[in-house]
Protein backbone atom coordinates (compact mmCIF):
# COMPACT_ATOMS: atom_id res chain seq x y z
CA MET A 1 9.89 14.45 16.21
CA THR A 2 13.49 15.19 15.22
CA SER A 3 14.58 17.54 12.43
CA THR A 4 15.72 14.46 10.47
CA HIS A 5 12.16 13.17 10.60
CA LEU A 6 10.77 16.50 9.42
CA ASN A 7 13.23 16.71 6.54
CA SER A 8 12.35 13.16 5.54
CA MET A 9 8.66 14.00 5.56
CA LYS A 10 9.24 17.13 3.42
CA LYS A 11 11.28 15.06 0.98
CA THR A 12 8.50 12.46 0.84
CA MET A 13 5.78 15.03 0.20
CA ASN A 14 7.78 16.94 -2.42
CA SER A 15 8.70 13.77 -4.30
CA GLN A 16 5.04 13.03 -4.91
CA THR A 17 4.94 15.78 -7.53
CA LYS A 18 8.01 14.57 -9.41
CA PRO A 19 7.40 12.71 -12.68
CA PRO A 20 8.27 9.01 -12.93
CA LYS A 21 11.84 8.36 -14.04
CA ILE A 22 13.48 5.79 -16.28
CA LYS A 23 14.96 4.12 -13.22
CA THR A 24 11.42 3.31 -12.07
CA LEU A 25 10.90 1.21 -15.20
CA ARG A 26 14.25 -0.49 -14.62
CA ARG A 27 13.21 -1.37 -11.06
CA LEU A 28 9.94 -2.80 -12.34
CA LEU A 29 11.84 -4.96 -14.82
CA LYS A 30 14.21 -6.14 -12.05
CA LEU A 31 11.20 -7.53 -10.19
CA MET A 32 10.88 -10.03 -13.05
CA LEU A 33 14.41 -11.43 -12.58
CA PRO A 34 13.37 -14.22 -10.16
CA TYR A 35 11.02 -15.47 -12.91
CA LYS A 36 13.44 -14.98 -15.81
CA LYS A 37 13.11 -18.57 -17.10
CA ARG A 38 9.35 -18.21 -17.50
CA VAL A 39 9.73 -14.70 -18.95
CA ILE A 40 12.28 -15.97 -21.49
CA LEU A 41 9.99 -18.88 -22.44
CA ALA A 42 7.07 -16.45 -22.82
CA SER A 43 9.27 -14.19 -24.97
CA ILE A 44 10.20 -17.12 -27.22
CA CYS A 45 6.49 -17.90 -27.64
CA VAL A 46 5.90 -14.24 -28.55
CA LEU A 47 8.65 -14.36 -31.18
CA LEU A 48 7.08 -17.49 -32.67
CA VAL A 49 3.69 -15.75 -32.79
CA ILE A 50 5.34 -12.76 -34.49
CA GLY A 51 6.95 -15.11 -36.99
CA ALA A 52 3.53 -16.58 -37.77
CA GLN A 53 2.05 -13.10 -38.29
CA LEU A 54 4.83 -12.23 -40.72
CA ILE A 55 4.54 -15.50 -42.64
CA LYS A 56 0.75 -15.39 -43.18
CA PRO A 57 0.68 -12.37 -45.58
CA TYR A 58 3.64 -13.80 -47.48
CA ILE A 59 1.83 -17.12 -47.97
CA LEU A 60 -1.19 -15.26 -49.35
CA LYS A 61 1.14 -13.21 -51.59
CA LEU A 62 2.51 -16.45 -53.07
CA VAL A 63 -1.00 -17.83 -53.55
CA ILE A 64 -2.15 -14.66 -55.37
CA ASP A 65 0.94 -14.34 -57.60
CA ASP A 66 1.63 -18.03 -58.32
CA PHE A 67 -1.82 -19.62 -58.37
CA LEU A 68 -4.54 -17.00 -58.87
CA THR A 69 -3.15 -14.43 -61.32
CA LYS A 70 -1.04 -16.96 -63.28
CA GLU A 71 -3.73 -19.66 -62.99
CA VAL A 72 -1.22 -22.38 -62.02
CA THR A 73 -2.79 -25.17 -59.92
CA GLN A 74 0.22 -27.25 -58.87
CA ARG A 75 3.98 -27.57 -59.14
CA GLY A 76 4.74 -30.88 -57.51
CA LEU A 77 4.10 -30.58 -53.81
CA TYR A 78 3.88 -26.81 -54.21
CA SER A 79 0.13 -26.41 -54.66
CA ILE A 80 -2.71 -24.21 -53.49
CA THR A 81 -3.82 -27.09 -51.24
CA THR A 82 -0.38 -27.30 -49.66
CA MET A 83 -0.31 -23.56 -49.14
CA GLY A 84 -3.77 -23.71 -47.56
CA ALA A 85 -2.63 -26.47 -45.19
CA LEU A 86 0.54 -24.50 -44.38
CA TYR A 87 -1.53 -21.39 -43.65
CA PHE A 88 -3.77 -23.40 -41.29
CA ILE A 89 -0.75 -24.92 -39.48
CA VAL A 90 0.79 -21.46 -39.03
CA VAL A 91 -2.49 -20.08 -37.62
CA ALA A 92 -2.91 -23.08 -35.27
CA LEU A 93 0.65 -22.89 -33.96
CA SER A 94 0.27 -19.14 -33.48
CA GLY A 95 -2.83 -19.73 -31.33
CA ILE A 96 -1.11 -22.43 -29.23
CA PHE A 97 1.99 -20.33 -28.59
CA SER A 98 -0.20 -17.32 -27.77
CA ILE A 99 -2.13 -19.31 -25.12
CA ILE A 100 1.14 -20.56 -23.55
CA GLN A 101 2.57 -17.04 -23.50
CA VAL A 102 -0.53 -15.51 -21.90
CA ASN A 103 -0.61 -18.11 -19.10
CA LEU A 104 3.12 -17.83 -18.38
CA ILE A 105 3.24 -14.04 -18.21
CA ASN A 106 -0.02 -13.75 -16.22
CA LYS A 107 1.29 -16.13 -13.57
CA VAL A 108 4.53 -14.16 -13.33
CA GLY A 109 2.58 -10.90 -13.08
CA GLN A 110 0.33 -12.14 -10.29
CA GLU A 111 3.28 -13.49 -8.31
CA ILE A 112 5.00 -10.10 -8.59
CA MET A 113 1.78 -8.41 -7.39
CA ARG A 114 1.59 -10.77 -4.42
CA THR A 115 5.22 -9.98 -3.52
CA LEU A 116 4.65 -6.22 -3.87
CA ARG A 117 1.55 -6.28 -1.66
CA ARG A 118 3.48 -8.22 0.98
CA LYS A 119 6.37 -5.73 0.87
CA VAL A 120 4.06 -2.71 1.03
CA PHE A 121 2.14 -4.10 4.01
CA LYS A 122 5.36 -5.08 5.81
CA THR A 123 6.75 -1.58 5.25
CA ILE A 124 3.58 0.03 6.61
CA GLN A 125 3.83 -2.17 9.70
CA LEU A 126 7.39 -0.98 10.36
CA LEU A 127 6.72 2.71 9.83
CA PRO A 128 7.22 4.72 13.03
CA LEU A 129 4.30 6.54 14.61
CA TRP A 130 5.72 9.99 13.77
CA TYR A 131 5.49 9.04 10.08
CA LEU A 132 1.94 7.69 10.42
CA ASP A 133 0.93 10.82 12.34
CA LYS A 134 1.90 12.96 9.35
CA THR A 135 0.74 10.66 6.54
CA SER A 136 -2.84 10.19 5.41
CA SER A 137 -4.14 6.65 5.88
CA GLY A 138 -5.85 7.02 2.49
CA ARG A 139 -2.48 7.62 0.85
CA LEU A 140 -1.08 4.40 2.35
CA ILE A 141 -4.22 2.43 1.47
CA THR A 142 -3.99 3.68 -2.12
CA ARG A 143 -0.42 2.41 -2.40
CA ALA A 144 -1.38 -1.03 -1.11
CA THR A 145 -4.47 -1.34 -3.33
CA ASN A 146 -4.96 1.02 -6.30
CA ASP A 147 -1.28 1.54 -7.05
CA VAL A 148 -0.43 -2.15 -6.89
CA GLU A 149 -3.45 -2.96 -9.05
CA ALA A 150 -2.29 -0.39 -11.63
CA LEU A 151 0.94 -2.38 -11.99
CA SER A 152 -0.95 -5.64 -12.47
CA GLU A 153 -2.13 -4.76 -15.98
CA MET A 154 1.33 -3.61 -16.96
CA TYR A 155 2.98 -6.87 -15.90
CA THR A 156 0.29 -9.23 -17.16
CA ASP A 157 -0.47 -7.49 -20.44
CA VAL A 158 1.36 -4.32 -21.37
CA LEU A 159 5.02 -5.37 -20.99
CA ILE A 160 4.70 -8.53 -23.06
CA LYS A 161 2.62 -6.64 -25.63
CA LEU A 162 5.28 -3.95 -25.75
CA PHE A 163 7.92 -6.62 -26.35
CA LYS A 164 5.71 -8.20 -29.01
CA ASP A 165 4.88 -4.89 -30.68
CA VAL A 166 8.51 -3.74 -30.87
CA PHE A 167 9.69 -7.00 -32.46
CA LEU A 168 6.66 -7.17 -34.73
CA ILE A 169 7.39 -3.66 -36.01
CA ILE A 170 11.05 -4.57 -36.57
CA GLY A 171 10.02 -7.78 -38.37
CA ILE A 172 7.49 -5.99 -40.58
CA ILE A 173 9.98 -3.25 -41.50
CA TYR A 174 12.61 -5.84 -42.40
CA THR A 175 10.16 -7.96 -44.42
CA MET A 176 8.74 -4.96 -46.30
CA ILE A 177 12.23 -3.67 -47.16
CA ILE A 178 13.26 -7.10 -48.44
CA ILE A 179 10.15 -7.38 -50.64
CA ASN A 180 10.16 -3.81 -52.03
CA LEU A 181 12.24 -0.96 -50.62
CA GLN A 182 10.38 1.81 -52.49
CA LEU A 183 6.94 0.69 -51.29
CA ALA A 184 8.31 0.36 -47.75
CA LEU A 185 9.58 3.97 -47.70
CA ILE A 186 6.23 5.26 -49.02
CA SER A 187 4.37 3.27 -46.34
CA PHE A 188 6.39 4.85 -43.52
CA THR A 189 5.81 8.50 -44.52
CA VAL A 190 3.12 9.03 -41.84
CA VAL A 191 5.09 7.51 -38.95
CA PRO A 192 6.69 10.85 -37.88
CA LEU A 193 3.19 12.34 -37.48
CA ILE A 194 2.24 9.61 -35.00
CA PHE A 195 5.33 10.11 -32.86
CA GLY A 196 4.75 13.87 -32.98
CA ILE A 197 1.24 13.44 -31.53
CA VAL A 198 2.45 11.14 -28.74
CA PHE A 199 5.32 13.49 -27.87
CA VAL A 200 2.97 16.47 -27.55
CA LEU A 201 0.53 14.59 -25.29
CA LYS A 202 2.94 12.68 -23.04
CA THR A 203 3.62 15.55 -20.60
CA LYS A 204 -0.09 16.20 -20.10
CA ILE A 205 -0.75 12.49 -19.61
CA LYS A 206 1.95 12.21 -16.92
CA ARG A 207 0.74 15.30 -15.05
CA ASN A 208 -2.88 14.17 -15.15
CA PHE A 209 -2.08 10.67 -13.88
CA THR A 210 -0.15 12.12 -10.95
CA LYS A 211 -3.16 14.29 -10.12
CA MET A 212 -5.54 11.30 -10.39
CA LYS A 213 -3.40 9.20 -8.02
CA SER A 214 -3.30 12.00 -5.48
CA LEU A 215 -7.08 12.49 -5.65
CA ILE A 216 -7.91 8.79 -5.27
CA GLY A 217 -5.67 8.74 -2.20
CA LYS A 218 -7.63 11.66 -0.72
CA ILE A 219 -10.93 9.93 -1.54
CA ASN A 220 -9.80 6.67 0.11
CA GLY A 221 -8.67 8.55 3.20
CA PHE A 222 -11.89 10.55 3.37
CA MET A 223 -14.00 7.38 3.05
CA ALA A 224 -12.01 5.52 5.72
CA GLU A 225 -12.22 8.48 8.10
CA SER A 226 -15.95 9.00 7.50
CA ILE A 227 -16.80 5.33 8.05
CA SER A 228 -14.77 5.24 11.28
CA GLY A 229 -16.41 8.42 12.53
CA MET A 230 -19.93 7.76 11.24
CA LYS A 231 -21.39 7.76 14.74
CA ILE A 232 -20.06 11.28 15.38
CA ILE A 233 -21.27 12.45 11.96
CA GLN A 234 -24.80 11.21 12.68
CA VAL A 235 -24.90 12.46 16.28
CA PHE A 236 -23.92 15.99 15.22
CA HIS A 237 -25.94 15.95 11.97
CA GLY A 238 -22.82 16.38 9.86
CA GLU A 239 -24.09 14.33 6.91
CA LYS A 240 -24.66 17.36 4.69
CA GLU A 241 -21.21 18.88 5.28
CA LYS A 242 -19.44 15.55 4.77
CA LYS A 243 -21.46 14.92 1.62
CA GLU A 244 -20.46 18.31 0.23
CA GLN A 245 -16.78 17.63 1.02
CA PHE A 246 -16.98 14.25 -0.69
CA LEU A 247 -18.75 15.69 -3.73
CA GLU A 248 -15.99 18.28 -4.11
CA LEU A 249 -13.31 15.56 -4.10
CA ASN A 250 -15.41 13.34 -6.33
CA ASN A 251 -15.97 16.11 -8.88
CA GLU A 252 -12.25 16.85 -9.04
CA TYR A 253 -11.53 13.18 -9.71
CA TYR A 254 -14.36 13.08 -12.26
CA LYS A 255 -12.85 15.99 -14.21
CA ALA A 256 -9.38 14.44 -14.14
CA THR A 257 -10.80 11.10 -15.32
CA LEU A 258 -12.76 12.75 -18.15
CA PHE A 259 -9.57 14.42 -19.33
CA GLN A 260 -7.84 11.02 -19.31
CA VAL A 261 -10.72 9.45 -21.24
CA TRP A 262 -10.40 12.21 -23.83
CA MET A 263 -6.68 11.51 -24.16
CA ASN A 264 -7.32 7.80 -24.63
CA SER A 265 -10.13 8.41 -27.12
CA PHE A 266 -7.91 10.73 -29.18
CA LEU A 267 -4.76 8.63 -29.54
CA ARG A 268 -6.26 5.44 -31.02
CA PRO A 269 -8.49 7.11 -33.66
CA ALA A 270 -5.59 9.37 -34.68
CA VAL A 271 -3.44 6.32 -35.37
CA ASP A 272 -6.30 4.61 -37.23
CA VAL A 273 -6.80 7.66 -39.47
CA LEU A 274 -3.09 7.79 -40.28
CA GLN A 275 -3.11 4.05 -40.97
CA SER A 276 -5.94 4.44 -43.50
CA PHE A 277 -4.10 7.39 -45.03
CA ALA A 278 -0.96 5.25 -45.46
CA VAL A 279 -2.98 2.44 -47.13
CA ALA A 280 -4.62 4.98 -49.47
CA ILE A 281 -1.20 6.37 -50.50
CA LEU A 282 0.07 2.82 -51.04
CA ILE A 283 -2.87 1.82 -53.26
CA TRP A 284 -2.70 5.11 -55.22
CA TYR A 285 0.98 4.58 -55.87
CA GLY A 286 0.70 0.83 -56.53
CA ILE A 287 -2.10 0.88 -59.11
CA ASP A 288 0.13 2.40 -61.78
CA LYS A 289 2.96 0.01 -60.93
CA ILE A 290 0.64 -2.99 -61.32
CA ALA A 291 -0.53 -1.68 -64.70
CA SER A 292 3.09 -1.42 -65.86
CA ASP A 293 4.00 -4.84 -64.35
CA THR A 294 6.55 -3.17 -62.05
CA ILE A 295 5.00 -4.84 -59.00
CA SER A 296 2.59 -7.75 -58.67
CA ILE A 297 -0.90 -7.79 -57.17
CA GLY A 298 0.36 -10.19 -54.49
CA VAL A 299 3.09 -7.76 -53.44
CA LEU A 300 0.59 -4.88 -53.16
CA TYR A 301 -1.80 -7.11 -51.18
CA ALA A 302 1.03 -8.21 -48.88
CA PHE A 303 2.04 -4.57 -48.34
CA THR A 304 -1.51 -3.44 -47.47
CA THR A 305 -1.69 -6.32 -44.98
CA TYR A 306 1.74 -5.52 -43.54
CA ILE A 307 0.91 -1.83 -43.23
CA LYS A 308 -2.19 -2.72 -41.19
CA GLN A 309 -0.08 -5.07 -39.08
CA PHE A 310 2.49 -2.30 -38.74
CA PHE A 311 -0.01 0.25 -37.46
CA ASN A 312 -1.86 -2.18 -35.15
CA PRO A 313 1.10 -2.42 -32.72
CA ILE A 314 1.57 1.34 -32.99
CA SER A 315 -2.12 1.77 -32.06
CA GLU A 316 -1.64 -0.66 -29.16
CA MET A 317 1.46 1.21 -28.05
CA ALA A 318 -0.52 4.46 -28.16
CA ASP A 319 -3.23 2.83 -26.02
CA ASN A 320 -0.69 1.25 -23.69
CA TYR A 321 1.22 4.50 -23.34
CA THR A 322 -1.39 5.85 -20.92
CA THR A 323 -1.41 2.52 -19.06
CA ILE A 324 2.37 2.61 -18.77
CA GLN A 325 2.30 6.19 -17.52
CA SER A 326 -0.31 5.25 -14.92
CA ALA A 327 1.78 2.25 -13.86
CA LEU A 328 4.97 4.32 -13.66
CA VAL A 329 3.27 6.94 -11.47
CA SER A 330 1.92 4.14 -9.24
CA ALA A 331 5.32 2.41 -9.19
CA ASP A 332 7.01 5.67 -8.23
CA ARG A 333 4.61 6.03 -5.30
CA ILE A 334 5.10 2.40 -4.22
CA PHE A 335 8.91 2.59 -4.44
CA GLU A 336 8.81 5.90 -2.60
CA LEU A 337 7.18 4.05 0.29
CA LEU A 338 9.43 0.99 0.05
CA ASP A 339 12.50 3.28 0.02
CA GLU A 340 11.66 4.65 3.48
CA LYS A 341 14.26 2.21 4.84
CA GLU A 342 16.09 4.81 6.91
CA ASN A 343 12.85 5.56 8.76
CA LEU A 344 11.67 1.97 9.25
CA GLU A 345 11.94 0.46 12.69
CA ASP A 346 14.42 -2.40 12.99
CA LEU A 347 12.73 -4.61 15.56
CA ASP A 348 15.84 -6.76 16.10
CA LEU A 349 18.46 -4.01 16.42
CA GLY A 350 19.86 -3.53 19.91
CA ILE A 351 20.33 -5.37 23.18
CA GLY A 352 18.21 -8.50 23.62
CA MET A 353 16.20 -8.67 26.84
CA ASP A 354 13.82 -11.60 27.11
CA ASN A 355 12.37 -10.39 30.41
CA PHE A 356 12.37 -7.03 32.16
CA GLN A 357 12.59 -6.56 35.90
CA GLY A 358 10.36 -3.53 35.41
CA ASN A 359 12.44 -0.59 36.67
CA VAL A 360 11.58 2.59 34.72
CA GLU A 361 13.54 5.84 34.98
CA PHE A 362 13.16 9.17 33.21
CA LYS A 363 16.25 11.40 33.43
CA ASN A 364 15.68 15.06 32.48
CA VAL A 365 13.50 14.12 29.49
CA TRP A 366 12.48 16.79 26.99
CA PHE A 367 10.19 15.90 24.13
CA SER A 368 8.37 17.68 21.30
CA TYR A 369 6.42 16.36 18.33
CA ASN A 370 7.66 19.16 16.09
CA ASP A 371 11.02 20.18 17.61
CA LYS A 372 9.69 23.48 19.00
CA ASP A 373 6.54 23.04 21.13
CA TRP A 374 7.79 21.11 24.15
CA ILE A 375 5.29 18.58 25.53
CA LEU A 376 7.65 17.36 28.28
CA LYS A 377 10.15 19.70 29.94
CA GLY A 378 12.91 18.18 32.06
CA VAL A 379 10.81 15.28 33.39
CA SER A 380 12.62 13.01 35.87
CA PHE A 381 11.22 10.17 37.99
CA THR A 382 11.98 6.59 38.99
CA ILE A 383 9.49 3.73 39.24
CA ASN A 384 10.83 0.56 40.82
CA GLN A 385 10.01 -3.03 39.97
CA GLY A 386 6.49 -4.02 41.01
CA GLN A 387 5.39 -0.50 41.87
CA ARG A 388 2.10 0.97 40.75
CA ALA A 389 2.55 4.53 39.45
CA ALA A 390 -0.24 6.88 38.45
CA PHE A 391 0.11 9.96 36.23
CA VAL A 392 -2.40 12.73 36.75
CA GLY A 393 -2.86 16.19 35.32
CA GLU A 394 -5.13 18.21 33.09
CA THR A 395 -5.51 17.49 29.38
CA GLY A 396 -2.30 18.28 27.51
CA ALA A 397 -0.08 17.90 30.57
CA GLY A 398 1.96 15.13 28.87
CA LYS A 399 0.57 11.97 30.48
CA THR A 400 -0.12 10.01 27.27
CA THR A 401 3.17 11.20 25.78
CA ILE A 402 5.05 9.55 28.65
CA ILE A 403 3.26 6.28 27.89
CA SER A 404 4.15 6.55 24.18
CA LEU A 405 7.80 7.17 25.05
CA VAL A 406 7.96 4.18 27.40
CA SER A 407 6.59 2.01 24.58
CA GLY A 408 9.33 3.24 22.25
CA PHE A 409 7.01 4.89 19.73
CA TYR A 410 9.00 8.15 19.73
CA LYS A 411 12.55 9.20 20.61
CA VAL A 412 13.27 12.03 23.04
CA GLN A 413 15.22 15.11 21.97
CA LYS A 414 16.97 15.55 25.33
CA GLY A 415 17.62 13.33 28.32
CA GLU A 416 17.17 9.57 28.41
CA ILE A 417 14.72 6.87 29.41
CA LEU A 418 16.12 3.81 31.18
CA ILE A 419 14.52 0.42 31.67
CA ASP A 420 16.41 -1.75 34.14
CA GLY A 421 19.28 0.74 33.80
CA ILE A 422 19.53 0.40 29.99
CA ASN A 423 18.72 3.23 27.60
CA ILE A 424 15.44 2.44 25.89
CA ASN A 425 16.97 3.30 22.48
CA ASP A 426 19.53 0.49 22.93
CA ILE A 427 16.93 -2.22 23.60
CA LYS A 428 15.52 -4.34 20.78
CA LYS A 429 12.10 -2.93 19.83
CA ARG A 430 10.74 -6.48 19.61
CA ASP A 431 11.79 -7.27 23.20
CA LEU A 432 10.67 -3.85 24.44
CA ARG A 433 7.13 -4.25 23.15
CA LYS A 434 6.95 -7.90 24.08
CA ASN A 435 7.51 -6.92 27.72
CA ILE A 436 5.09 -3.96 27.71
CA SER A 437 1.33 -4.34 27.30
CA VAL A 438 -0.94 -1.32 26.90
CA VAL A 439 -4.66 -1.04 27.65
CA LEU A 440 -6.03 2.04 25.90
CA GLN A 441 -9.13 4.09 26.57
CA ASP A 442 -10.34 3.51 23.00
CA VAL A 443 -10.09 -0.26 22.66
CA PHE A 444 -9.40 -1.56 19.16
CA LEU A 445 -10.72 -4.99 18.26
CA PHE A 446 -9.99 -6.67 14.92
CA SER A 447 -12.38 -8.65 12.77
CA GLY A 448 -12.13 -12.33 13.73
CA THR A 449 -12.98 -14.03 16.99
CA ILE A 450 -12.55 -13.20 20.66
CA LYS A 451 -9.68 -15.67 20.88
CA THR A 452 -7.71 -14.20 17.96
CA ASN A 453 -8.22 -10.71 19.43
CA ILE A 454 -6.76 -11.79 22.76
CA THR A 455 -3.86 -13.88 21.44
CA LEU A 456 -3.31 -11.79 18.28
CA ASN A 457 -2.33 -15.17 16.77
CA ASP A 458 0.70 -15.44 19.08
CA ASN A 459 1.60 -18.88 20.38
CA ILE A 460 -0.04 -18.47 23.77
CA GLU A 461 -0.64 -21.63 25.77
CA GLU A 462 -4.19 -22.51 26.75
CA ALA A 463 -3.35 -22.39 30.47
CA GLN A 464 -1.95 -18.87 30.13
CA LEU A 465 -4.98 -17.79 28.11
CA GLU A 466 -7.35 -19.26 30.69
CA LYS A 467 -5.49 -17.47 33.50
CA ALA A 468 -5.73 -14.15 31.64
CA LEU A 469 -9.49 -14.59 31.22
CA GLU A 470 -9.90 -15.34 34.93
CA ILE A 471 -7.76 -12.44 36.17
CA SER A 472 -9.35 -9.90 33.83
CA HIS A 473 -12.90 -11.17 34.58
CA ALA A 474 -13.42 -11.46 30.83
CA LYS A 475 -14.45 -15.09 31.29
CA LYS A 476 -17.78 -13.97 32.70
CA ILE A 477 -18.77 -12.14 29.53
CA ILE A 478 -17.38 -14.87 27.26
CA GLN A 479 -19.62 -17.43 28.95
CA GLY A 480 -22.59 -15.35 27.87
CA PHE A 481 -21.86 -15.93 24.16
CA SER A 482 -23.12 -19.00 22.34
CA LYS A 483 -19.74 -19.72 20.76
CA GLY A 484 -17.73 -18.75 23.82
CA ILE A 485 -14.19 -17.65 23.10
CA ASN A 486 -14.78 -18.33 19.39
CA GLU A 487 -17.57 -15.73 19.23
CA PRO A 488 -17.18 -13.67 16.00
CA VAL A 489 -15.97 -10.09 16.38
CA MET A 490 -17.09 -7.53 13.81
CA GLU A 491 -14.89 -4.65 12.65
CA ARG A 492 -13.66 -2.57 15.63
CA GLY A 493 -15.79 -4.74 17.95
CA SER A 494 -18.93 -2.77 17.11
CA THR A 495 -21.26 -5.45 18.54
CA PHE A 496 -19.67 -5.31 22.02
CA SER A 497 -20.31 -2.77 24.75
CA ALA A 498 -17.55 -0.42 25.93
CA GLY A 499 -17.16 -2.43 29.13
CA GLU A 500 -16.93 -5.75 27.26
CA ARG A 501 -14.29 -4.36 24.91
CA GLN A 502 -12.33 -3.02 27.87
CA LEU A 503 -12.34 -6.37 29.68
CA LEU A 504 -11.22 -8.15 26.50
CA SER A 505 -8.45 -5.59 26.17
CA PHE A 506 -7.35 -6.41 29.73
CA ALA A 507 -7.35 -10.11 28.90
CA ARG A 508 -5.22 -9.41 25.82
CA ALA A 509 -2.69 -7.45 27.85
CA ILE A 510 -2.44 -10.05 30.61
CA ALA A 511 -2.27 -13.02 28.20
CA HIS A 512 0.99 -11.68 26.80
CA ASN A 513 2.46 -11.71 30.32
CA PRO A 514 4.16 -8.29 30.28
CA SER A 515 6.77 -7.10 32.75
CA ILE A 516 5.28 -3.60 32.53
CA LEU A 517 1.54 -2.98 32.23
CA VAL A 518 0.30 0.40 31.00
CA LEU A 519 -3.29 1.55 31.58
CA ASP A 520 -4.16 4.66 29.57
CA GLU A 521 -7.55 5.92 30.83
CA ALA A 522 -8.62 2.27 30.87
CA THR A 523 -11.55 2.85 33.24
CA SER A 524 -12.97 6.08 31.83
CA ASN A 525 -15.65 4.63 29.51
CA ILE A 526 -17.14 1.91 31.71
CA ASP A 527 -19.97 1.55 34.17
CA THR A 528 -19.52 1.25 37.93
CA GLU A 529 -20.02 -2.54 37.98
CA THR A 530 -17.39 -3.09 35.28
CA GLU A 531 -15.08 -0.64 37.03
CA ILE A 532 -15.19 -2.77 40.16
CA LEU A 533 -14.23 -5.83 38.09
CA ILE A 534 -11.36 -3.93 36.47
CA GLN A 535 -10.12 -2.55 39.79
CA ASN A 536 -10.06 -6.09 41.08
CA ALA A 537 -8.19 -7.19 37.94
CA ILE A 538 -5.64 -4.39 38.41
CA ASP A 539 -5.08 -5.47 42.00
CA ASN A 540 -4.56 -9.07 40.87
CA ILE A 541 -1.90 -8.33 38.25
CA ALA A 542 -0.17 -5.31 39.81
CA LYS A 543 1.44 -7.54 42.45
CA GLU A 544 3.55 -9.28 39.81
CA ARG A 545 4.63 -6.41 37.56
CA THR A 546 5.26 -2.70 37.25
CA THR A 547 2.06 -0.83 36.44
CA LEU A 548 1.78 2.64 34.92
CA ILE A 549 -1.66 4.20 35.15
CA ILE A 550 -3.21 7.27 33.54
CA ALA A 551 -6.60 7.84 35.11
CA HIS A 552 -9.00 10.50 36.33
CA ARG A 553 -11.06 8.30 38.66
CA LEU A 554 -9.99 8.54 42.29
CA SER A 555 -10.63 4.82 42.82
CA THR A 556 -7.93 4.01 40.28
CA ILE A 557 -5.42 6.58 41.52
CA ARG A 558 -5.56 6.39 45.31
CA ASN A 559 -4.09 2.87 45.58
CA ALA A 560 -0.98 3.78 43.57
CA ASP A 561 2.41 3.54 45.29
CA VAL A 562 3.45 6.81 43.71
CA ILE A 563 1.40 9.52 42.00
CA ILE A 564 3.23 11.78 39.53
CA VAL A 565 1.41 15.09 39.03
CA LEU A 566 2.03 16.89 35.73
CA LYS A 567 1.27 20.44 34.70
CA ASN A 568 2.23 21.92 31.31
CA GLY A 569 4.76 19.14 30.70
CA GLU A 570 6.52 19.44 34.07
CA ILE A 571 6.30 17.43 37.28
CA VAL A 572 4.89 19.65 40.02
CA GLU A 573 4.27 17.03 42.72
CA MET A 574 5.09 13.42 43.50
CA GLY A 575 4.03 11.07 46.30
CA ASN A 576 1.19 8.80 47.42
CA HIS A 577 -2.43 9.89 47.71
CA GLU A 578 -2.40 10.67 51.46
CA LYS A 579 0.82 12.65 51.26
CA LEU A 580 -0.33 14.74 48.29
CA MET A 581 -3.72 15.44 49.85
CA ASP A 582 -2.09 16.54 53.08
CA SER A 583 0.26 18.91 51.22
CA GLY A 584 -2.74 20.85 49.88
CA GLY A 585 -1.12 21.53 46.51
CA TYR A 586 -2.07 21.15 42.85
CA TYR A 587 -3.06 17.49 43.23
CA ARG A 588 -5.54 18.29 45.98
CA ASP A 589 -7.08 21.00 43.79
CA LEU A 590 -7.53 18.51 40.94
CA ILE A 591 -9.22 15.98 43.24
CA VAL A 592 -11.51 18.60 44.78
CA LYS A 593 -12.60 19.76 41.30
CA LYS A 594 -13.74 16.23 40.52
């Protein structure tokens, strides 16, 4: 891994502790721009609903002052019946516009969530292996699930409520000032207390949400890792230790959540108490004014209604404050991932090569995963088109690293790797990986069917698929299933034997018709009978393409055209089996040990 990669990783890890910024909210709002017509229409509906809320207390004020206290029944069309009908129409229209607004904004919110999930998953797919090696899978899963879900409530509920609450507060303030300035000023005396409480708590809320997001990422990663390794846990009786580790994480998250619950439970009641206090002050002040005919009963009633309406959006804003903080922390984490553009692989950048001849050359290659501990040291070799090359050596010698470099998963620090005379860094990643198929020791099968696992949903012709099944001998096992090639595959292929998974992996590699075939310990976990089938399959396909083999079994190695012997990241011997055995060197010692 280069120093640029390490610096990027440090920057990524450090940024996770930084609080969300205003620009995060601006970016969230920009995501709504493609749906601005619907957002504007929803906003108009909200303004109409606000208008209805402001009109209703005023209608009741008129009824109290003009018809109840003065005992007037009718003044032409202006009657208590008319006012009742008007009140009903206002309520009905408010309900209709509210329904329209909710449906519009929810659809916009869900479409934004769908777009975000797509972008997050696409970004994860393009992340280089060095990034994935250093990043917890739980952290990435949390961004694609929990963090995106945290934004859903903000888009579908909080933002439009915030818009509604702000304009409702402005409308109430304006209406109250117009009706009676003195009463309005008295009503607003407790507002500074509310903002003081929110200001004091906001820092703690931000910090706690950041901690909660980090913990849920660790829990997701721990769960994913434990489920994948459950067989090992059970074999080595590690249930107790894993349970204790999970309980420790779970308790930390529990404490952080309790603290958040306490915050939420404190804000709303505090606002409610202050609201009641404001109403009490208003009534205490207004009673004397009513007795002296300075204000009317209707005005006092309207003001008590408006003050409740005024504090309701403030209460909602207090409730939504924690939701917004949670969403901003989640958004910061999502954008942090989406902003990894400089590290993402551009699959279409470089020289296009539809087909490789299959010549592979390493020229004085040095490679390290951390820029200091060299895995490969000055490795040079040439493998010509159609040759079968085997890499042997003890664990840690650098065999698998060579395979990873040929596949373009990492970049070398020194030297160069050439395919058909072209530097591997200059070749389009898409073309590079299209022409190289890898069969790994630990075969990964996806949930689906046998067919989708072989084709990986690529447009592979039936004749090519059939040929791959024949050559790999996978057809024999497929015929044993009731649904044939459409046999369901469970997660990771858990219902198949190691040999069956290996043969399916061979079929997958061959079906994509690679110019270079890589076998990484592909025969280490299979029985003798399956090994014979695979050896036969290797012989069938090696005639048409360059084959790179990492193996310990002599039967796989001895037929190679060239055997490259590695020790501590350096090539110590090179030649065919007979030549290396006759030389009596390191290779012979390895074979004798086996």
